[in-house]
């Protein structure tokens, strides 16, 4: 039975995070032509050509996989590493739409075909 209040005796919020072990990419999404405010709110480089720009977002486990994915992304296309977190498995890249698409495609292909990861479909908007 779950407690009615998720706070401990000191009144602090308690959060339990659970990671299911496995080799997987759970999110692979490309945002084409995002508004400048999206860049600013994410703390990304605002000095880009917003008309042809894109943001690629991936999440993977084990989380250290984000390091490999970041290496693949910069070797595949002219992209900027906006955020890489080896503890959560999150990678955010930016650049021209065609470059971000190529990088995300290659990351998913390599992890699926060469490393045997279970990969979600790449979504685009």
PDB file of N, CA and C in Angstrom:
ATOM      1  N   UNK A   1       0.843  -1.177   0.000  1.00  0.00           N
ATOM      2  CA  UNK A   1       0.000   0.000   0.000  1.00  0.00           C
ATOM      3  C   UNK A   1       0.888   1.240   0.000  1.00  0.00           C
ATOM      4  N   UNK A   2       0.576   2.199  -0.843  1.00  0.00           N
ATOM      5  CA  UNK A   2       1.349   3.413  -0.946  1.00  0.00           C
ATOM      6  C   UNK A   2       0.938   4.409   0.126  1.00  0.00           C
ATOM      7  N   UNK A   3       1.913   5.146   0.672  1.00  0.00           N
ATOM      8  CA  UNK A   3       1.557   6.160   1.656  1.00  0.00           C
ATOM      9  C   UNK A   3       0.771   7.283   0.991  1.00  0.00           C
ATOM     10  N   UNK A   4      -0.105   7.920   1.761  1.00  0.00           N
ATOM     11  CA  UNK A   4      -0.935   8.996   1.228  1.00  0.00           C
ATOM     12  C   UNK A   4      -0.105  10.231   0.908  1.00  0.00           C
ATOM     13  N   UNK A   5       0.993  10.440   1.634  1.00  0.00           N
ATOM     14  CA  UNK A   5       1.832  11.618   1.440  1.00  0.00           C
ATOM     15  C   UNK A   5       3.248  11.171   1.103  1.00  0.00           C
ATOM     16  N   UNK A   6       3.779  11.567  -0.083  1.00  0.00           N
ATOM     17  CA  UNK A   6       5.126  11.119  -0.480  1.00  0.00           C
ATOM     18  C   UNK A   6       6.248  11.914   0.183  1.00  0.00           C
ATOM     19  N   UNK A   7       5.990  12.510   1.328  1.00  0.00           N
ATOM     20  CA  UNK A   7       7.023  13.271   2.018  1.00  0.00           C
ATOM     21  C   UNK A   7       7.530  12.482   3.211  1.00  0.00           C
ATOM     22  N   UNK A   8       8.811  12.692   3.540  1.00  0.00           N
ATOM     23  CA  UNK A   8       9.384  12.002   4.688  1.00  0.00           C
ATOM     24  C   UNK A   8       9.083  12.783   5.970  1.00  0.00           C
ATOM     25  N   UNK A   9       9.650  12.337   7.080  1.00  0.00           N
ATOM     26  CA  UNK A   9       9.386  12.952   8.376  1.00  0.00           C
ATOM     27  C   UNK A   9       9.830  14.411   8.437  1.00  0.00           C
ATOM     28  N   UNK A  10      10.803  14.788   7.623  1.00  0.00           N
ATOM     29  CA  UNK A  10      11.296  16.166   7.611  1.00  0.00           C
ATOM     30  C   UNK A  10      10.518  17.042   6.625  1.00  0.00           C
ATOM     31  N   UNK A  11       9.522  16.488   5.982  1.00  0.00           N
ATOM     32  CA  UNK A  11       8.719  17.247   5.028  1.00  0.00           C
ATOM     33  C   UNK A  11       9.323  17.355   3.644  1.00  0.00           C
ATOM     34  N   UNK A  12      10.393  16.595   3.379  1.00  0.00           N
ATOM     35  CA  UNK A  12      11.032  16.615   2.071  1.00  0.00           C
ATOM     36  C   UNK A  12      10.349  15.621   1.144  1.00  0.00           C
ATOM     37  N   UNK A  13      10.203  16.018  -0.121  1.00  0.00           N
ATOM     38  CA  UNK A  13       9.607  15.142  -1.131  1.00  0.00           C
ATOM     39  C   UNK A  13      10.554  13.988  -1.413  1.00  0.00           C
ATOM     40  N   UNK A  14      10.027  12.775  -1.438  1.00  0.00           N
ATOM     41  CA  UNK A  14      10.831  11.596  -1.744  1.00  0.00           C
ATOM     42  C   UNK A  14      10.455  11.103  -3.130  1.00  0.00           C
ATOM     43  N   UNK A  15      11.473  10.898  -3.961  1.00  0.00           N
ATOM     44  CA  UNK A  15      11.253  10.417  -5.320  1.00  0.00           C
ATOM     45  C   UNK A  15      12.064   9.147  -5.507  1.00  0.00           C
ATOM     46  N   UNK A  16      11.429   8.145  -6.053  1.00  0.00           N
ATOM     47  CA  UNK A  16      12.121   6.898  -6.350  1.00  0.00           C
ATOM     48  C   UNK A  16      12.182   6.764  -7.860  1.00  0.00           C
ATOM     49  N   UNK A  17      13.391   6.659  -8.381  1.00  0.00           N
ATOM     50  CA  UNK A  17      13.580   6.506  -9.817  1.00  0.00           C
ATOM     51  C   UNK A  17      14.019   5.078 -10.082  1.00  0.00           C
ATOM     52  N   UNK A  18      13.361   4.449 -11.031  1.00  0.00           N
ATOM     53  CA  UNK A  18      13.672   3.070 -11.347  1.00  0.00           C
ATOM     54  C   UNK A  18      14.051   2.957 -12.813  1.00  0.00           C
ATOM     55  N   UNK A  19      15.154   2.301 -13.087  1.00  0.00           N
ATOM     56  CA  UNK A  19      15.619   2.091 -14.460  1.00  0.00           C
ATOM     57  C   UNK A  19      15.613   0.594 -14.740  1.00  0.00           C
ATOM     58  N   UNK A  20      14.915   0.219 -15.789  1.00  0.00           N
ATOM     59  CA  UNK A  20      14.874  -1.178 -16.185  1.00  0.00           C
ATOM     60  C   UNK A  20      16.113  -1.449 -17.033  1.00  0.00           C
ATOM     61  N   UNK A  21      16.929  -2.432 -16.635  1.00  0.00           N
ATOM     62  CA  UNK A  21      18.142  -2.699 -17.406  1.00  0.00           C
ATOM     63  C   UNK A  21      17.817  -3.193 -18.812  1.00  0.00           C
ATOM     64  N   UNK A  22      18.648  -2.816 -19.727  1.00  0.00           N
ATOM     65  CA  UNK A  22      18.456  -3.246 -21.105  1.00  0.00           C
ATOM     66  C   UNK A  22      19.177  -2.301 -22.032  1.00  0.00           C
ATOM     67  N   UNK A  23      19.287  -2.710 -23.261  1.00  0.00           N
ATOM     68  CA  UNK A  23      19.925  -1.884 -24.276  1.00  0.00           C
ATOM     69  C   UNK A  23      18.817  -1.365 -25.178  1.00  0.00           C
ATOM     70  N   UNK A  24      18.500  -0.073 -25.010  1.00  0.00           N
ATOM     71  CA  UNK A  24      17.390   0.448 -25.785  1.00  0.00           C
ATOM     72  C   UNK A  24      17.466   1.953 -25.991  1.00  0.00           C
ATOM     73  N   UNK A  25      16.908   2.382 -27.114  1.00  0.00           N
ATOM     74  CA  UNK A  25      16.653   3.798 -27.361  1.00  0.00           C
ATOM     75  C   UNK A  25      15.152   3.948 -27.225  1.00  0.00           C
ATOM     76  N   UNK A  26      14.727   4.738 -26.241  1.00  0.00           N
ATOM     77  CA  UNK A  26      13.307   4.874 -25.936  1.00  0.00           C
ATOM     78  C   UNK A  26      12.682   6.118 -26.540  1.00  0.00           C
ATOM     79  N   UNK A  27      13.507   7.063 -26.977  1.00  0.00           N
ATOM     80  CA  UNK A  27      13.001   8.279 -27.603  1.00  0.00           C
ATOM     81  C   UNK A  27      14.001   8.743 -28.643  1.00  0.00           C
ATOM     82  N   UNK A  28      13.524   9.002 -29.831  1.00  0.00           N
ATOM     83  CA  UNK A  28      14.346   9.565 -30.908  1.00  0.00           C
ATOM     84  C   UNK A  28      13.427  10.477 -31.704  1.00  0.00           C
ATOM     85  N   UNK A  29      13.560  11.776 -31.484  1.00  0.00           N
ATOM     86  CA  UNK A  29      12.630  12.734 -32.092  1.00  0.00           C
ATOM     87  C   UNK A  29      13.396  13.910 -32.685  1.00  0.00           C
ATOM     88  N   UNK A  30      12.940  14.383 -33.836  1.00  0.00           N
ATOM     89  CA  UNK A  30      13.526  15.550 -34.490  1.00  0.00           C
ATOM     90  C   UNK A  30      12.455  16.632 -34.565  1.00  0.00           C
ATOM     91  N   UNK A  31      12.789  17.801 -34.025  1.00  0.00           N
ATOM     92  CA  UNK A  31      11.908  18.966 -34.099  1.00  0.00           C
ATOM     93  C   UNK A  31      12.451  19.854 -35.202  1.00  0.00           C
ATOM     94  N   UNK A  32      11.717  19.979 -36.279  1.00  0.00           N
ATOM     95  CA  UNK A  32      12.148  20.819 -37.391  1.00  0.00           C
ATOM     96  C   UNK A  32      11.632  22.234 -37.244  1.00  0.00           C
ATOM     97  N   UNK A  33      12.506  23.209 -37.405  1.00  0.00           N
ATOM     98  CA  UNK A  33      12.118  24.619 -37.339  1.00  0.00           C
ATOM     99  C   UNK A  33      11.521  25.048 -36.017  1.00  0.00           C
ATOM    100  N   UNK A  34      12.148  24.698 -34.893  1.00  0.00           N
ATOM    101  CA  UNK A  34      11.584  25.113 -33.605  1.00  0.00           C
ATOM    102  C   UNK A  34      11.654  26.628 -33.433  1.00  0.00           C
ATOM    103  N   UNK A  35      10.764  27.156 -32.670  1.00  0.00           N
ATOM    104  CA  UNK A  35      10.759  28.592 -32.374  1.00  0.00           C
ATOM    105  C   UNK A  35      11.971  28.942 -31.508  1.00  0.00           C
ATOM    106  N   UNK A  36      12.485  30.155 -31.620  1.00  0.00           N
ATOM    107  CA  UNK A  36      13.646  30.559 -30.817  1.00  0.00           C
ATOM    108  C   UNK A  36      13.463  30.367 -29.310  1.00  0.00           C
ATOM    109  N   UNK A  37      12.246  30.515 -28.823  1.00  0.00           N
ATOM    110  CA  UNK A  37      12.010  30.379 -27.380  1.00  0.00           C
ATOM    111  C   UNK A  37      12.327  28.969 -26.889  1.00  0.00           C
ATOM    112  N   UNK A  38      12.150  27.967 -27.755  1.00  0.00           N
ATOM    113  CA  UNK A  38      12.469  26.595 -27.369  1.00  0.00           C
ATOM    114  C   UNK A  38      13.957  26.472 -27.084  1.00  0.00           C
ATOM    115  N   UNK A  39      14.774  27.067 -27.952  1.00  0.00           N
ATOM    116  CA  UNK A  39      16.223  27.052 -27.728  1.00  0.00           C
ATOM    117  C   UNK A  39      16.578  27.716 -26.406  1.00  0.00           C
ATOM    118  N   UNK A  40      16.003  28.870 -26.187  1.00  0.00           N
ATOM    119  CA  UNK A  40      16.326  29.635 -24.978  1.00  0.00           C
ATOM    120  C   UNK A  40      15.908  28.888 -23.715  1.00  0.00           C
ATOM    121  N   UNK A  41      14.739  28.301 -23.717  1.00  0.00           N
ATOM    122  CA  UNK A  41      14.251  27.585 -22.541  1.00  0.00           C
ATOM    123  C   UNK A  41      15.067  26.332 -22.251  1.00  0.00           C
ATOM    124  N   UNK A  42      15.623  25.720 -23.293  1.00  0.00           N
ATOM    125  CA  UNK A  42      16.462  24.537 -23.110  1.00  0.00           C
ATOM    126  C   UNK A  42      17.923  24.893 -22.825  1.00  0.00           C
ATOM    127  N   UNK A  43      18.238  26.187 -22.892  1.00  0.00           N
ATOM    128  CA  UNK A  43      19.612  26.615 -22.666  1.00  0.00           C
ATOM    129  C   UNK A  43      20.529  26.287 -23.828  1.00  0.00           C
ATOM    130  N   UNK A  44      19.953  26.189 -25.034  1.00  0.00           N
ATOM    131  CA  UNK A  44      20.738  25.859 -26.224  1.00  0.00           C
ATOM    132  C   UNK A  44      21.244  27.119 -26.901  1.00  0.00           C
ATOM    133  N   UNK A  45      22.134  26.935 -27.862  1.00  0.00           N
ATOM    134  CA  UNK A  45      22.771  28.029 -28.583  1.00  0.00           C
ATOM    135  C   UNK A  45      21.730  28.844 -29.363  1.00  0.00           C
ATOM    136  N   UNK A  46      21.521  30.107 -28.985  1.00  0.00           N
ATOM    137  CA  UNK A  46      20.526  30.921 -29.704  1.00  0.00           C
ATOM    138  C   UNK A  46      21.056  31.499 -31.016  1.00  0.00           C
ATOM    139  N   UNK A  47      22.350  31.340 -31.304  1.00  0.00           N
ATOM    140  CA  UNK A  47      22.959  31.905 -32.510  1.00  0.00           C
ATOM    141  C   UNK A  47      22.884  30.937 -33.680  1.00  0.00           C
ATOM    142  N   UNK A  48      21.674  30.518 -34.022  1.00  0.00           N
ATOM    143  CA  UNK A  48      21.481  29.605 -35.152  1.00  0.00           C
ATOM    144  C   UNK A  48      20.504  30.224 -36.133  1.00  0.00           C
ATOM    145  N   UNK A  49      20.494  29.690 -37.344  1.00  0.00           N
ATOM    146  CA  UNK A  49      19.539  30.123 -38.351  1.00  0.00           C
ATOM    147  C   UNK A  49      18.228  29.385 -38.086  1.00  0.00           C
ATOM    148  N   UNK A  50      17.297  30.072 -37.447  1.00  0.00           N
ATOM    149  CA  UNK A  50      16.053  29.417 -37.044  1.00  0.00           C
ATOM    150  C   UNK A  50      15.221  28.918 -38.213  1.00  0.00           C
ATOM    151  N   UNK A  51      15.384  29.508 -39.392  1.00  0.00           N
ATOM    152  CA  UNK A  51      14.599  29.086 -40.546  1.00  0.00           C
ATOM    153  C   UNK A  51      14.914  27.679 -41.015  1.00  0.00           C
ATOM    154  N   UNK A  52      16.161  27.229 -40.856  1.00  0.00           N
ATOM    155  CA  UNK A  52      16.567  25.905 -41.323  1.00  0.00           C
ATOM    156  C   UNK A  52      17.029  25.000 -40.183  1.00  0.00           C
ATOM    157  N   UNK A  53      16.693  25.348 -38.975  1.00  0.00           N
ATOM    158  CA  UNK A  53      17.250  24.644 -37.827  1.00  0.00           C
ATOM    159  C   UNK A  53      16.384  23.490 -37.355  1.00  0.00           C
ATOM    160  N   UNK A  54      17.002  22.663 -36.502  1.00  0.00           N
ATOM    161  CA  UNK A  54      16.295  21.521 -35.925  1.00  0.00           C
ATOM    162  C   UNK A  54      16.934  21.159 -34.593  1.00  0.00           C
ATOM    163  N   UNK A  55      16.157  20.458 -33.790  1.00  0.00           N
ATOM    164  CA  UNK A  55      16.634  19.911 -32.525  1.00  0.00           C
ATOM    165  C   UNK A  55      16.368  18.412 -32.561  1.00  0.00           C
ATOM    166  N   UNK A  56      17.389  17.615 -32.238  1.00  0.00           N
ATOM    167  CA  UNK A  56      17.231  16.169 -32.130  1.00  0.00           C
ATOM    168  C   UNK A  56      17.326  15.778 -30.662  1.00  0.00           C
ATOM    169  N   UNK A  57      16.379  14.970 -30.206  1.00  0.00           N
ATOM    170  CA  UNK A  57      16.337  14.550 -28.809  1.00  0.00           C
ATOM    171  C   UNK A  57      16.311  13.029 -28.761  1.00  0.00           C
ATOM    172  N   UNK A  58      17.227  12.441 -27.983  1.00  0.00           N
ATOM    173  CA  UNK A  58      17.265  10.987 -27.820  1.00  0.00           C
ATOM    174  C   UNK A  58      17.409  10.644 -26.347  1.00  0.00           C
ATOM    175  N   UNK A  59      16.834   9.508 -25.974  1.00  0.00           N
ATOM    176  CA  UNK A  59      17.021   8.984 -24.630  1.00  0.00           C
ATOM    177  C   UNK A  59      17.304   7.500 -24.761  1.00  0.00           C
ATOM    178  N   UNK A  60      18.310   7.034 -24.001  1.00  0.00           N
ATOM    179  CA  UNK A  60      18.746   5.648 -24.157  1.00  0.00           C
ATOM    180  C   UNK A  60      19.226   5.055 -22.847  1.00  0.00           C
ATOM    181  N   UNK A  61      19.238   3.732 -22.818  1.00  0.00           N
ATOM    182  CA  UNK A  61      19.822   3.031 -21.669  1.00  0.00           C
ATOM    183  C   UNK A  61      20.636   1.852 -22.204  1.00  0.00           C
ATOM    184  N   UNK A  62      21.727   1.515 -21.543  1.00  0.00           N
ATOM    185  CA  UNK A  62      22.234   2.163 -20.354  1.00  0.00           C
ATOM    186  C   UNK A  62      22.591   3.618 -20.648  1.00  0.00           C
ATOM    187  N   UNK A  63      22.513   4.467 -19.633  1.00  0.00           N
ATOM    188  CA  UNK A  63      22.679   5.904 -19.864  1.00  0.00           C
ATOM    189  C   UNK A  63      24.026   6.312 -20.442  1.00  0.00           C
ATOM    190  N   UNK A  64      25.061   5.531 -20.212  1.00  0.00           N
ATOM    191  CA  UNK A  64      26.377   5.843 -20.772  1.00  0.00           C
ATOM    192  C   UNK A  64      26.379   5.783 -22.298  1.00  0.00           C
ATOM    193  N   UNK A  65      25.352   5.187 -22.869  1.00  0.00           N
ATOM    194  CA  UNK A  65      25.221   5.116 -24.330  1.00  0.00           C
ATOM    195  C   UNK A  65      25.164   6.495 -24.960  1.00  0.00           C
ATOM    196  N   UNK A  66      24.744   7.487 -24.197  1.00  0.00           N
ATOM    197  CA  UNK A  66      24.665   8.861 -24.715  1.00  0.00           C
ATOM    198  C   UNK A  66      26.035   9.368 -25.155  1.00  0.00           C
ATOM    199  N   UNK A  67      27.102   8.869 -24.532  1.00  0.00           N
ATOM    200  CA  UNK A  67      28.455   9.272 -24.916  1.00  0.00           C
ATOM    201  C   UNK A  67      28.760   8.753 -26.318  1.00  0.00           C
ATOM    202  N   UNK A  68      28.422   7.508 -26.577  1.00  0.00           N
ATOM    203  CA  UNK A  68      28.641   6.919 -27.905  1.00  0.00           C
ATOM    204  C   UNK A  68      27.789   7.646 -28.939  1.00  0.00           C
ATOM    205  N   UNK A  69      26.532   7.901 -28.592  1.00  0.00           N
ATOM    206  CA  UNK A  69      25.628   8.581 -29.520  1.00  0.00           C
ATOM    207  C   UNK A  69      26.112   9.997 -29.844  1.00  0.00           C
ATOM    208  N   UNK A  70      26.668  10.684 -28.862  1.00  0.00           N
ATOM    209  CA  UNK A  70      27.171  12.037 -29.120  1.00  0.00           C
ATOM    210  C   UNK A  70      28.346  11.996 -30.092  1.00  0.00           C
ATOM    211  N   UNK A  71      29.216  10.998 -29.939  1.00  0.00           N
ATOM    212  CA  UNK A  71      30.347  10.841 -30.851  1.00  0.00           C
ATOM    213  C   UNK A  71      29.862  10.566 -32.271  1.00  0.00           C
ATOM    214  N   UNK A  72      28.889   9.680 -32.400  1.00  0.00           N
ATOM    215  CA  UNK A  72      28.334   9.369 -33.724  1.00  0.00           C
ATOM    216  C   UNK A  72      27.720  10.613 -34.345  1.00  0.00           C
ATOM    217  N   UNK A  73      26.993  11.389 -33.553  1.00  0.00           N
ATOM    218  CA  UNK A  73      26.300  12.554 -34.098  1.00  0.00           C
ATOM    219  C   UNK A  73      27.259  13.578 -34.692  1.00  0.00           C
ATOM    220  N   UNK A  74      28.353  13.872 -33.995  1.00  0.00           N
ATOM    221  CA  UNK A  74      29.263  14.906 -34.512  1.00  0.00           C
ATOM    222  C   UNK A  74      30.133  14.395 -35.657  1.00  0.00           C
ATOM    223  N   UNK A  75      30.273  13.067 -35.762  1.00  0.00           N
ATOM    224  CA  UNK A  75      31.030  12.500 -36.882  1.00  0.00           C
ATOM    225  C   UNK A  75      30.152  12.300 -38.116  1.00  0.00           C
ATOM    226  N   UNK A  76      28.836  12.279 -37.919  1.00  0.00           N
ATOM    227  CA  UNK A  76      27.910  12.065 -39.025  1.00  0.00           C
ATOM    228  C   UNK A  76      27.528  13.365 -39.712  1.00  0.00           C
ATOM    229  N   UNK A  77      27.359  14.422 -38.920  1.00  0.00           N
ATOM    230  CA  UNK A  77      26.916  15.677 -39.509  1.00  0.00           C
ATOM    231  C   UNK A  77      27.475  16.872 -38.768  1.00  0.00           C
ATOM    232  N   UNK A  78      27.232  18.025 -39.343  1.00  0.00           N
ATOM    233  CA  UNK A  78      27.671  19.278 -38.733  1.00  0.00           C
ATOM    234  C   UNK A  78      26.618  19.699 -37.715  1.00  0.00           C
ATOM    235  N   UNK A  79      26.661  19.071 -36.545  1.00  0.00           N
ATOM    236  CA  UNK A  79      25.692  19.348 -35.495  1.00  0.00           C
ATOM    237  C   UNK A  79      26.405  19.866 -34.248  1.00  0.00           C
ATOM    238  N   UNK A  80      25.637  20.537 -33.424  1.00  0.00           N
ATOM    239  CA  UNK A  80      26.113  21.089 -32.162  1.00  0.00           C
ATOM    240  C   UNK A  80      25.571  20.224 -31.027  1.00  0.00           C
ATOM    241  N   UNK A  81      26.445  19.831 -30.107  1.00  0.00           N
ATOM    242  CA  UNK A  81      25.994  19.075 -28.940  1.00  0.00           C
ATOM    243  C   UNK A  81      25.401  20.045 -27.934  1.00  0.00           C
ATOM    244  N   UNK A  82      24.089  20.037 -27.839  1.00  0.00           N
ATOM    245  CA  UNK A  82      23.420  20.942 -26.914  1.00  0.00           C
ATOM    246  C   UNK A  82      23.442  20.430 -25.494  1.00  0.00           C
ATOM    247  N   UNK A  83      23.347  19.095 -25.327  1.00  0.00           N
ATOM    248  CA  UNK A  83      23.287  18.504 -23.996  1.00  0.00           C
ATOM    249  C   UNK A  83      23.581  17.017 -24.110  1.00  0.00           C
ATOM    250  N   UNK A  84      24.475  16.539 -23.269  1.00  0.00           N
ATOM    251  CA  UNK A  84      24.774  15.111 -23.184  1.00  0.00           C
ATOM    252  C   UNK A  84      24.829  14.757 -21.707  1.00  0.00           C
ATOM    253  N   UNK A  85      24.042  13.767 -21.298  1.00  0.00           N
ATOM    254  CA  UNK A  85      24.043  13.362 -19.893  1.00  0.00           C
ATOM    255  C   UNK A  85      24.254  11.857 -19.798  1.00  0.00           C
ATOM    256  N   UNK A  86      25.435  11.469 -19.336  1.00  0.00           N
ATOM    257  CA  UNK A  86      25.753  10.049 -19.220  1.00  0.00           C
ATOM    258  C   UNK A  86      25.089   9.401 -18.008  1.00  0.00           C
ATOM    259  N   UNK A  87      24.411  10.190 -17.196  1.00  0.00           N
ATOM    260  CA  UNK A  87      23.717   9.644 -16.027  1.00  0.00           C
ATOM    261  C   UNK A  87      22.237   9.385 -16.304  1.00  0.00           C
ATOM    262  N   UNK A  88      21.637  10.167 -17.217  1.00  0.00           N
ATOM    263  CA  UNK A  88      20.230   9.942 -17.561  1.00  0.00           C
ATOM    264  C   UNK A  88      20.062   9.320 -18.943  1.00  0.00           C
ATOM    265  N   UNK A  89      21.115   9.360 -19.771  1.00  0.00           N
ATOM    266  CA  UNK A  89      21.035   8.804 -21.117  1.00  0.00           C
ATOM    267  C   UNK A  89      20.380   9.736 -22.116  1.00  0.00           C
ATOM    268  N   UNK A  90      20.423  11.032 -21.849  1.00  0.00           N
ATOM    269  CA  UNK A  90      19.789  12.018 -22.725  1.00  0.00           C
ATOM    270  C   UNK A  90      20.814  12.702 -23.608  1.00  0.00           C
ATOM    271  N   UNK A  91      20.452  12.877 -24.875  1.00  0.00           N
ATOM    272  CA  UNK A  91      21.279  13.597 -25.838  1.00  0.00           C
ATOM    273  C   UNK A  91      20.395  14.569 -26.592  1.00  0.00           C
ATOM    274  N   UNK A  92      20.835  15.833 -26.680  1.00  0.00           N
ATOM    275  CA  UNK A  92      20.144  16.850 -27.470  1.00  0.00           C
ATOM    276  C   UNK A  92      21.172  17.442 -28.426  1.00  0.00           C
ATOM    277  N   UNK A  93      20.834  17.419 -29.715  1.00  0.00           N
ATOM    278  CA  UNK A  93      21.715  18.005 -30.723  1.00  0.00           C
ATOM    279  C   UNK A  93      20.932  19.052 -31.512  1.00  0.00           C
ATOM    280  N   UNK A  94      21.660  20.020 -32.067  1.00  0.00           N
ATOM    281  CA  UNK A  94      21.029  21.039 -32.899  1.00  0.00           C
ATOM    282  C   UNK A  94      21.848  21.238 -34.163  1.00  0.00           C
ATOM    283  N   UNK A  95      21.221  21.843 -35.148  1.00  0.00           N
ATOM    284  CA  UNK A  95      21.885  22.124 -36.412  1.00  0.00           C
ATOM    285  C   UNK A  95      20.867  22.266 -37.511  1.00  0.00           C
ATOM    286  N   UNK A  96      21.338  22.260 -38.737  1.00  0.00           N
ATOM    287  CA  UNK A  96      20.421  22.292 -39.877  1.00  0.00           C
ATOM    288  C   UNK A  96      19.568  21.028 -39.872  1.00  0.00           C
ATOM    289  N   UNK A  97      18.352  21.142 -40.343  1.00  0.00           N
ATOM    290  CA  UNK A  97      17.421  20.010 -40.322  1.00  0.00           C
ATOM    291  C   UNK A  97      18.014  18.776 -40.990  1.00  0.00           C
ATOM    292  N   UNK A  98      18.633  18.938 -42.143  1.00  0.00           N
ATOM    293  CA  UNK A  98      19.196  17.779 -42.846  1.00  0.00           C
ATOM    294  C   UNK A  98      20.324  17.129 -42.039  1.00  0.00           C
ATOM    295  N   UNK A  99      21.141  17.927 -41.368  1.00  0.00           N
ATOM    296  CA  UNK A  99      22.251  17.398 -40.568  1.00  0.00           C
ATOM    297  C   UNK A  99      21.744  16.674 -39.324  1.00  0.00           C
ATOM    298  N   UNK A 100      20.756  17.246 -38.659  1.00  0.00           N
ATOM    299  CA  UNK A 100      20.189  16.607 -37.467  1.00  0.00           C
ATOM    300  C   UNK A 100      19.493  15.304 -37.851  1.00  0.00           C
ATOM    301  N   UNK A 101      18.740  15.322 -38.954  1.00  0.00           N
ATOM    302  CA  UNK A 101      18.093  14.094 -39.435  1.00  0.00           C
ATOM    303  C   UNK A 101      19.125  13.002 -39.704  1.00  0.00           C
ATOM    304  N   UNK A 102      20.209  13.352 -40.400  1.00  0.00           N
ATOM    305  CA  UNK A 102      21.251  12.372 -40.705  1.00  0.00           C
ATOM    306  C   UNK A 102      21.876  11.806 -39.436  1.00  0.00           C
ATOM    307  N   UNK A 103      22.152  12.679 -38.481  1.00  0.00           N
ATOM    308  CA  UNK A 103      22.780  12.234 -37.231  1.00  0.00           C
ATOM    309  C   UNK A 103      21.861  11.298 -36.448  1.00  0.00           C
ATOM    310  N   UNK A 104      20.597  11.663 -36.308  1.00  0.00           N
ATOM    311  CA  UNK A 104      19.660  10.819 -35.562  1.00  0.00           C
ATOM    312  C   UNK A 104      19.454   9.491 -36.283  1.00  0.00           C
ATOM    313  N   UNK A 105      19.321   9.526 -37.603  1.00  0.00           N
ATOM    314  CA  UNK A 105      19.183   8.291 -38.381  1.00  0.00           C
ATOM    315  C   UNK A 105      20.375   7.356 -38.150  1.00  0.00           C
ATOM    316  N   UNK A 106      21.581   7.911 -38.195  1.00  0.00           N
ATOM    317  CA  UNK A 106      22.783   7.085 -38.038  1.00  0.00           C
ATOM    318  C   UNK A 106      22.920   6.552 -36.616  1.00  0.00           C
ATOM    319  N   UNK A 107      22.564   7.348 -35.631  1.00  0.00           N
ATOM    320  CA  UNK A 107      22.614   6.872 -34.237  1.00  0.00           C
ATOM    321  C   UNK A 107      21.698   5.665 -34.071  1.00  0.00           C
ATOM    322  N   UNK A 108      20.460   5.814 -34.505  1.00  0.00           N
ATOM    323  CA  UNK A 108      19.491   4.712 -34.356  1.00  0.00           C
ATOM    324  C   UNK A 108      19.936   3.505 -35.162  1.00  0.00           C
ATOM    325  N   UNK A 109      20.408   3.702 -36.391  1.00  0.00           N
ATOM    326  CA  UNK A 109      20.863   2.582 -37.207  1.00  0.00           C
ATOM    327  C   UNK A 109      22.017   1.841 -36.538  1.00  0.00           C
ATOM    328  N   UNK A 110      23.020   2.572 -36.051  1.00  0.00           N
ATOM    329  CA  UNK A 110      24.186   1.939 -35.424  1.00  0.00           C
ATOM    330  C   UNK A 110      23.789   1.171 -34.158  1.00  0.00           C
ATOM    331  N   UNK A 111      23.004   1.793 -33.315  1.00  0.00           N
ATOM    332  CA  UNK A 111      22.611   1.121 -32.072  1.00  0.00           C
ATOM    333  C   UNK A 111      21.757  -0.115 -32.353  1.00  0.00           C
ATOM    334  N   UNK A 112      20.868  -0.040 -33.338  1.00  0.00           N
ATOM    335  CA  UNK A 112      19.993  -1.172 -33.677  1.00  0.00           C
ATOM    336  C   UNK A 112      20.767  -2.278 -34.394  1.00  0.00           C
ATOM    337  N   UNK A 113      21.485  -1.917 -35.461  1.00  0.00           N
ATOM    338  CA  UNK A 113      22.096  -2.922 -36.324  1.00  0.00           C
ATOM    339  C   UNK A 113      23.449  -3.430 -35.828  1.00  0.00           C
ATOM    340  N   UNK A 114      24.260  -2.559 -35.265  1.00  0.00           N
ATOM    341  CA  UNK A 114      25.604  -2.966 -34.844  1.00  0.00           C
ATOM    342  C   UNK A 114      25.693  -3.361 -33.375  1.00  0.00           C
ATOM    343  N   UNK A 115      24.928  -2.697 -32.515  1.00  0.00           N
ATOM    344  CA  UNK A 115      25.015  -2.981 -31.081  1.00  0.00           C
ATOM    345  C   UNK A 115      23.857  -3.833 -30.562  1.00  0.00           C
ATOM    346  N   UNK A 116      22.859  -4.088 -31.389  1.00  0.00           N
ATOM    347  CA  UNK A 116      21.757  -4.953 -30.997  1.00  0.00           C
ATOM    348  C   UNK A 116      20.785  -4.335 -30.010  1.00  0.00           C
ATOM    349  N   UNK A 117      20.667  -3.012 -30.015  1.00  0.00           N
ATOM    350  CA  UNK A 117      19.719  -2.333 -29.128  1.00  0.00           C
ATOM    351  C   UNK A 117      18.303  -2.464 -29.680  1.00  0.00           C
ATOM    352  N   UNK A 118      17.353  -2.413 -28.784  1.00  0.00           N
ATOM    353  CA  UNK A 118      15.957  -2.283 -29.162  1.00  0.00           C
ATOM    354  C   UNK A 118      15.705  -0.792 -29.346  1.00  0.00           C
ATOM    355  N   UNK A 119      15.220  -0.391 -30.517  1.00  0.00           N
ATOM    356  CA  UNK A 119      15.084   1.041 -30.813  1.00  0.00           C
ATOM    357  C   UNK A 119      13.659   1.397 -31.208  1.00  0.00           C
ATOM    358  N   UNK A 120      13.201   2.511 -30.687  1.00  0.00           N
ATOM    359  CA  UNK A 120      11.902   3.031 -31.075  1.00  0.00           C
ATOM    360  C   UNK A 120      12.002   3.633 -32.483  1.00  0.00           C
ATOM    361  N   UNK A 121      10.869   3.949 -33.064  1.00  0.00           N
ATOM    362  CA  UNK A 121      10.861   4.639 -34.356  1.00  0.00           C
ATOM    363  C   UNK A 121      11.290   6.082 -34.150  1.00  0.00           C
ATOM    364  N   UNK A 122      11.916   6.639 -35.156  1.00  0.00           N
ATOM    365  CA  UNK A 122      12.251   8.067 -35.112  1.00  0.00           C
ATOM    366  C   UNK A 122      10.995   8.841 -35.474  1.00  0.00           C
ATOM    367  N   UNK A 123      10.640   9.777 -34.624  1.00  0.00           N
ATOM    368  CA  UNK A 123       9.494  10.630 -34.905  1.00  0.00           C
ATOM    369  C   UNK A 123       9.991  12.006 -35.291  1.00  0.00           C
ATOM    370  N   UNK A 124       9.205  12.662 -36.133  1.00  0.00           N
ATOM    371  CA  UNK A 124       9.583  13.994 -36.626  1.00  0.00           C
ATOM    372  C   UNK A 124       8.353  14.894 -36.610  1.00  0.00           C
ATOM    373  N   UNK A 125       8.598  16.146 -36.293  1.00  0.00           N
ATOM    374  CA  UNK A 125       7.499  17.117 -36.290  1.00  0.00           C
ATOM    375  C   UNK A 125       8.012  18.449 -36.762  1.00  0.00           C
TER     376      UNK A 125
END
